[in-house]
Amino acid sequence: MPIVALAAALGASLCWAGGSLLAHRPATQLGAFEFTRTQLISSFALLIVIVTALNGWQSVSWVHWPSFVAASLIGVVFTNLAMIACLRRGGPRRMQLLVSMSAPFAALLGFLFLGESMSPRKLIGVGLAFSGLLLAILFGRRGQHRIEAVQGSLVIVIALGLFAAICNAVGLIALKPALLAGTDPLAATALRTGGGALVISVVALWPAVAFETPTKRTPSVVLRAILPGFVGYIAAVSLQLYALRSYDAGIVAVLSSMAPVVMLPMIWIMSGDPPPLTAWLGAVLAVLGAGIIFAG
């Protein structure tokens, strides 16, 4: 296994874990739509500068434009709106645990649409991953810290997280051909982020009450929203796409799902209360199950 690709995939998990914790407060203050719009626009602006400075646009394989459209609409807009809504209602640990299911969902989509076979070992992996997911979410919370509190129905939290995981898997699979054709990961990140920013900016022109922010937009709130956007949309995604171009997609998806495990000690430090054993066991089972899927 190439060391650089391995380090990149693990680095993406670390970025997503840290970014999720940083995003919890501003996401709650701005709401899912405005938070996502702020992050996409600011991240795209920085990516334009970076890719232009590195002369990365020349690497783009424009024949794969449908892949970029699908990655932008499904992999960015749908994924992130559902993910941020899940984050606001269920907290960062539950959101990351649910989104980590994009790995087994990617295996299932590959079986259904690409004709990839699913061995008995992979089926066992799916069962382990979902068992670990349910164990960590349903029985793994203490509920004593506000960052871990569930706002509303846990069923809605699970539905939003799983929808985000499915969309993320679709977006990842859609972008694979363009990366194999030689598109630079940073340029691919810029295109998918820019497409998402365009879509959500157009939708924002519709004067709907649902798009209004729960609290007033202040410079400090906006800055707190931008920072985790840079960590997630630029650092994490670029690392993941670099790993995806350099190594097997299944292994990359599994390594990128390590965020729930990484987040457990982070939440322990923030809350001062150690997560229960079921949370640790559930996170380990979820990642172990995903690993079995792609090893089978």
Protein backbone atom coordinates (compact mmCIF):
# COMPACT_ATOMS: atom_id res chain seq x y z
CA MET A 1 0.00 0.00 0.00
CA PRO A 2 1.53 3.35 -1.01
CA ILE A 3 2.48 5.26 2.14
CA VAL A 4 1.46 8.65 0.72
CA ALA A 5 -2.03 7.48 -0.28
CA LEU A 6 -2.51 5.86 3.12
CA ALA A 7 -1.42 9.02 4.91
CA ALA A 8 -3.69 11.16 2.73
CA ALA A 9 -6.78 9.07 3.45
CA LEU A 10 -6.09 9.03 7.18
CA GLY A 11 -5.41 12.77 7.05
CA ALA A 12 -8.83 13.29 5.48
CA SER A 13 -10.45 11.48 8.41
CA LEU A 14 -8.57 13.66 10.89
CA CYS A 15 -9.64 16.82 9.05
CA TRP A 16 -13.29 15.77 8.95
CA ALA A 17 -13.26 14.91 12.63
CA GLY A 18 -11.77 18.24 13.67
CA GLY A 19 -13.87 20.20 11.18
CA SER A 20 -17.08 18.64 12.46
CA LEU A 21 -16.35 19.71 16.02
CA LEU A 22 -15.51 23.24 14.86
CA ALA A 23 -18.68 23.36 12.76
CA HIS A 24 -21.18 22.37 15.44
CA ARG A 25 -21.73 25.82 16.98
CA PRO A 26 -21.84 27.97 13.79
CA ALA A 27 -24.00 25.36 12.04
CA THR A 28 -26.53 25.62 14.85
CA GLN A 29 -26.45 29.42 14.69
CA LEU A 30 -26.73 29.81 10.91
CA GLY A 31 -28.86 26.80 9.98
CA ALA A 32 -28.00 24.08 7.48
CA PHE A 33 -28.65 26.08 4.30
CA GLU A 34 -26.86 29.32 5.16
CA PHE A 35 -23.99 27.47 6.82
CA THR A 36 -23.46 25.34 3.71
CA ARG A 37 -23.72 28.35 1.38
CA THR A 38 -21.17 30.32 3.40
CA GLN A 39 -18.71 27.43 3.41
CA LEU A 40 -19.06 26.58 -0.28
CA ILE A 41 -18.60 30.14 -1.54
CA SER A 42 -15.63 30.92 0.71
CA SER A 43 -13.93 27.58 0.03
CA PHE A 44 -14.41 27.92 -3.73
CA ALA A 45 -12.88 31.40 -3.68
CA LEU A 46 -9.75 30.10 -1.96
CA LEU A 47 -9.58 27.04 -4.21
CA ILE A 48 -9.61 29.25 -7.33
CA VAL A 49 -6.53 31.04 -6.05
CA ILE A 50 -4.74 27.81 -5.09
CA VAL A 51 -5.48 25.88 -8.30
CA THR A 52 -4.62 28.87 -10.49
CA ALA A 53 -1.33 29.42 -8.66
CA LEU A 54 -0.44 25.74 -9.10
CA ASN A 55 -1.58 25.74 -12.77
CA GLY A 56 -3.94 22.87 -12.03
CA TRP A 57 -6.71 23.77 -14.48
CA GLN A 58 -4.76 22.29 -17.41
CA SER A 59 -5.12 18.82 -15.92
CA VAL A 60 -8.94 18.86 -16.00
CA SER A 61 -10.47 16.22 -18.27
CA TRP A 62 -13.52 18.16 -19.48
CA VAL A 63 -14.94 15.13 -21.29
CA HIS A 64 -16.02 13.95 -17.84
CA TRP A 65 -18.16 17.03 -17.17
CA PRO A 66 -21.20 14.88 -16.21
CA SER A 67 -19.08 13.47 -13.39
CA PHE A 68 -18.37 16.96 -12.10
CA VAL A 69 -22.06 17.88 -12.28
CA ALA A 70 -23.10 14.77 -10.35
CA ALA A 71 -20.33 15.26 -7.81
CA SER A 72 -21.38 18.90 -7.31
CA LEU A 73 -25.13 18.40 -7.04
CA ILE A 74 -25.31 15.05 -5.26
CA GLY A 75 -21.91 14.77 -3.63
CA VAL A 76 -21.74 18.37 -2.40
CA VAL A 77 -25.15 20.08 -2.19
CA PHE A 78 -27.36 17.15 -1.16
CA THR A 79 -24.67 15.57 1.01
CA ASN A 80 -23.79 18.70 2.92
CA LEU A 81 -27.31 20.00 3.46
CA ALA A 82 -28.27 16.64 4.95
CA MET A 83 -24.99 16.35 6.84
CA ILE A 84 -25.23 19.81 8.44
CA ALA A 85 -28.88 19.23 9.34
CA CYS A 86 -27.79 15.96 10.97
CA LEU A 87 -24.95 17.76 12.75
CA ARG A 88 -27.29 20.40 14.17
CA ARG A 89 -29.77 17.82 15.44
CA GLY A 90 -27.52 14.97 16.51
CA GLY A 91 -24.08 16.39 17.23
CA PRO A 92 -20.73 15.74 15.52
CA ARG A 93 -20.14 12.15 16.70
CA ARG A 94 -23.46 10.81 15.44
CA MET A 95 -23.13 12.74 12.20
CA GLN A 96 -19.67 11.32 11.50
CA LEU A 97 -20.74 7.80 12.44
CA LEU A 98 -23.65 7.97 10.02
CA VAL A 99 -21.66 9.54 7.19
CA SER A 100 -18.99 6.86 7.62
CA MET A 101 -21.58 4.48 6.18
CA SER A 102 -20.74 5.91 2.76
CA ALA A 103 -18.16 3.10 2.51
CA PRO A 104 -20.64 0.19 2.62
CA PHE A 105 -23.10 2.22 0.55
CA ALA A 106 -20.40 2.64 -2.10
CA ALA A 107 -19.96 -1.14 -2.14
CA LEU A 108 -23.71 -1.62 -2.55
CA LEU A 109 -23.94 0.95 -5.37
CA GLY A 110 -21.02 -0.71 -7.10
CA PHE A 111 -22.84 -4.05 -6.89
CA LEU A 112 -26.12 -2.62 -8.22
CA PHE A 113 -24.85 -0.32 -10.99
CA LEU A 114 -21.34 -1.49 -11.84
CA GLY A 115 -21.87 -5.24 -11.63
CA GLU A 116 -19.39 -5.69 -8.79
CA SER A 117 -19.91 -8.91 -6.87
CA MET A 118 -20.58 -8.89 -3.14
CA SER A 119 -19.01 -11.88 -1.44
CA PRO A 120 -20.31 -13.41 1.82
CA ARG A 121 -17.45 -11.69 3.61
CA LYS A 122 -18.63 -8.33 2.29
CA LEU A 123 -22.16 -9.06 3.45
CA ILE A 124 -20.78 -9.84 6.91
CA GLY A 125 -18.93 -6.54 6.78
CA VAL A 126 -22.15 -4.67 6.00
CA GLY A 127 -23.85 -6.34 8.94
CA LEU A 128 -20.97 -5.48 11.28
CA ALA A 129 -20.84 -1.88 10.11
CA PHE A 130 -24.55 -1.29 10.61
CA SER A 131 -24.53 -3.13 13.94
CA GLY A 132 -21.72 -0.92 15.16
CA LEU A 133 -23.52 2.15 13.87
CA LEU A 134 -26.73 1.32 15.71
CA LEU A 135 -24.83 0.37 18.86
CA ALA A 136 -22.92 3.63 19.00
CA ILE A 137 -25.91 5.84 18.21
CA LEU A 138 -28.72 4.20 20.14
CA PHE A 139 -26.81 3.06 23.22
CA GLY A 140 -23.60 5.05 23.20
CA ARG A 141 -24.51 8.48 24.55
CA ARG A 142 -24.45 9.94 28.01
CA GLY A 143 -26.24 13.15 27.02
CA GLN A 144 -24.57 15.31 29.70
CA HIS A 145 -22.84 17.73 27.35
CA ARG A 146 -24.68 20.05 25.00
CA ILE A 147 -22.55 19.02 22.00
CA GLU A 148 -23.87 15.45 22.37
CA ALA A 149 -27.52 16.38 22.95
CA VAL A 150 -30.13 15.24 20.40
CA GLN A 151 -32.36 18.05 19.15
CA GLY A 152 -35.67 16.50 18.17
CA SER A 153 -36.19 12.95 16.93
CA LEU A 154 -33.30 10.49 16.76
CA VAL A 155 -35.05 8.84 13.79
CA ILE A 156 -34.71 12.09 11.80
CA VAL A 157 -31.05 12.33 12.78
CA ILE A 158 -30.42 8.79 11.49
CA ALA A 159 -32.39 9.41 8.27
CA LEU A 160 -30.48 12.62 7.50
CA GLY A 161 -27.13 10.99 8.20
CA LEU A 162 -27.81 7.94 6.06
CA PHE A 163 -29.09 10.12 3.20
CA ALA A 164 -25.88 12.14 3.40
CA ALA A 165 -23.86 8.90 3.35
CA ILE A 166 -25.64 7.65 0.23
CA CYS A 167 -25.17 10.96 -1.59
CA ASN A 168 -21.52 11.06 -0.59
CA ALA A 169 -20.99 7.56 -1.99
CA VAL A 170 -22.67 8.52 -5.27
CA GLY A 171 -20.55 11.65 -5.59
CA LEU A 172 -17.35 9.74 -4.87
CA ILE A 173 -18.07 7.04 -7.44
CA ALA A 174 -19.08 9.64 -10.04
CA LEU A 175 -15.76 11.47 -9.73
CA LYS A 176 -13.53 8.40 -10.02
CA PRO A 177 -13.32 8.36 -13.88
CA ALA A 178 -12.22 12.00 -14.05
CA LEU A 179 -9.48 11.38 -11.51
CA LEU A 180 -8.26 8.31 -13.40
CA ALA A 181 -8.13 10.46 -16.55
CA GLY A 182 -5.52 12.66 -14.87
CA THR A 183 -7.53 15.49 -13.32
CA ASP A 184 -5.61 17.06 -10.44
CA PRO A 185 -7.34 16.38 -7.08
CA LEU A 186 -7.26 20.08 -6.13
CA ALA A 187 -8.79 21.04 -9.47
CA ALA A 188 -11.47 18.37 -9.05
CA THR A 189 -12.15 19.67 -5.55
CA ALA A 190 -12.48 23.21 -6.91
CA LEU A 191 -14.91 22.15 -9.65
CA ARG A 192 -17.18 20.12 -7.35
CA THR A 193 -17.12 22.87 -4.73
CA GLY A 194 -17.74 25.59 -7.32
CA GLY A 195 -20.64 23.68 -8.82
CA GLY A 196 -22.16 23.24 -5.39
CA ALA A 197 -21.66 26.93 -4.61
CA LEU A 198 -23.41 27.90 -7.85
CA VAL A 199 -26.41 25.64 -7.23
CA ILE A 200 -26.93 26.71 -3.64
CA SER A 201 -26.49 30.41 -4.53
CA VAL A 202 -29.19 30.18 -7.18
CA VAL A 203 -31.52 28.39 -4.78
CA ALA A 204 -30.85 31.11 -2.20
CA LEU A 205 -32.53 33.65 -4.52
CA TRP A 206 -35.85 32.01 -3.66
CA PRO A 207 -37.24 33.95 -0.65
CA ALA A 208 -38.19 30.97 1.50
CA VAL A 209 -38.58 31.05 5.26
CA ALA A 210 -36.63 27.79 5.49
CA PHE A 211 -33.50 29.60 4.27
CA GLU A 212 -33.55 32.20 7.03
CA THR A 213 -30.88 31.96 9.71
CA PRO A 214 -31.96 31.07 13.27
CA THR A 215 -29.72 33.84 14.62
CA LYS A 216 -28.30 37.08 13.23
CA ARG A 217 -25.36 36.83 10.82
CA THR A 218 -22.38 38.47 12.47
CA PRO A 219 -18.74 38.61 11.29
CA SER A 220 -17.63 36.32 14.11
CA VAL A 221 -20.28 33.70 13.29
CA VAL A 222 -19.37 33.82 9.59
CA LEU A 223 -15.67 33.40 10.34
CA ARG A 224 -16.41 30.43 12.60
CA ALA A 225 -18.35 28.89 9.71
CA ILE A 226 -15.60 29.53 7.14
CA LEU A 227 -12.78 27.86 9.09
CA PRO A 228 -14.29 24.34 9.26
CA GLY A 229 -15.22 24.80 5.60
CA PHE A 230 -11.57 25.21 4.69
CA VAL A 231 -10.70 22.16 6.80
CA GLY A 232 -13.43 20.01 5.23
CA TYR A 233 -14.01 21.23 1.66
CA ILE A 234 -10.38 22.01 0.86
CA ALA A 235 -8.07 19.95 3.06
CA ALA A 236 -10.13 16.80 3.69
CA VAL A 237 -11.66 16.47 0.21
CA SER A 238 -8.37 17.15 -1.57
CA LEU A 239 -6.60 14.54 0.55
CA GLN A 240 -9.35 12.01 -0.11
CA LEU A 241 -9.34 12.63 -3.87
CA TYR A 242 -5.55 12.39 -3.96
CA ALA A 243 -5.78 9.03 -2.23
CA LEU A 244 -8.64 7.97 -4.51
CA ARG A 245 -6.58 8.72 -7.62
CA SER A 246 -3.53 6.93 -6.24
CA TYR A 247 -5.07 3.85 -4.66
CA ASP A 248 -8.04 1.49 -4.55
CA ALA A 249 -11.32 3.32 -3.96
CA GLY A 250 -12.59 0.84 -1.40
CA ILE A 251 -9.56 1.10 0.84
CA VAL A 252 -9.66 4.89 0.59
CA ALA A 253 -13.33 4.95 1.56
CA VAL A 254 -12.63 2.80 4.62
CA LEU A 255 -9.67 4.87 5.78
CA SER A 256 -11.69 8.04 5.27
CA SER A 257 -14.36 6.67 7.61
CA MET A 258 -12.04 6.69 10.62
CA ALA A 259 -13.37 10.08 11.76
CA PRO A 260 -15.81 8.65 14.35
CA VAL A 261 -12.97 6.88 16.13
CA VAL A 262 -10.79 9.99 15.98
CA MET A 263 -13.63 12.10 17.38
CA LEU A 264 -14.16 10.05 20.52
CA PRO A 265 -11.07 11.33 22.37
CA MET A 266 -11.73 14.83 20.99
CA ILE A 267 -15.22 14.87 22.48
CA TRP A 268 -13.83 13.40 25.68
CA ILE A 269 -11.44 16.36 25.94
CA MET A 270 -14.14 18.91 25.10
CA SER A 271 -16.81 17.55 27.40
CA GLY A 272 -14.59 16.23 30.18
CA ASP A 273 -16.68 13.06 30.23
CA PRO A 274 -15.36 9.83 28.67
CA PRO A 275 -17.66 8.23 26.07
CA PRO A 276 -19.24 4.98 27.26
CA LEU A 277 -17.80 1.64 26.23
CA THR A 278 -20.65 1.11 23.77
CA ALA A 279 -19.61 4.24 21.86
CA TRP A 280 -16.06 2.95 21.50
CA LEU A 281 -17.25 -0.53 20.56
CA GLY A 282 -19.75 0.82 18.04
CA ALA A 283 -17.17 3.03 16.35
CA VAL A 284 -14.69 0.16 16.13
CA LEU A 285 -17.32 -2.20 14.71
CA ALA A 286 -18.40 0.37 12.11
CA VAL A 287 -14.87 0.83 10.83
CA LEU A 288 -14.07 -2.90 11.12
CA GLY A 289 -17.15 -3.77 9.11
CA ALA A 290 -16.22 -1.31 6.40
CA GLY A 291 -12.72 -2.79 6.33
CA ILE A 292 -14.08 -6.31 5.90
CA ILE A 293 -16.25 -5.16 3.00
CA PHE A 294 -13.31 -4.02 0.92
CA ALA A 295 -10.97 -6.78 2.02
CA GLY A 296 -13.44 -9.46 0.98
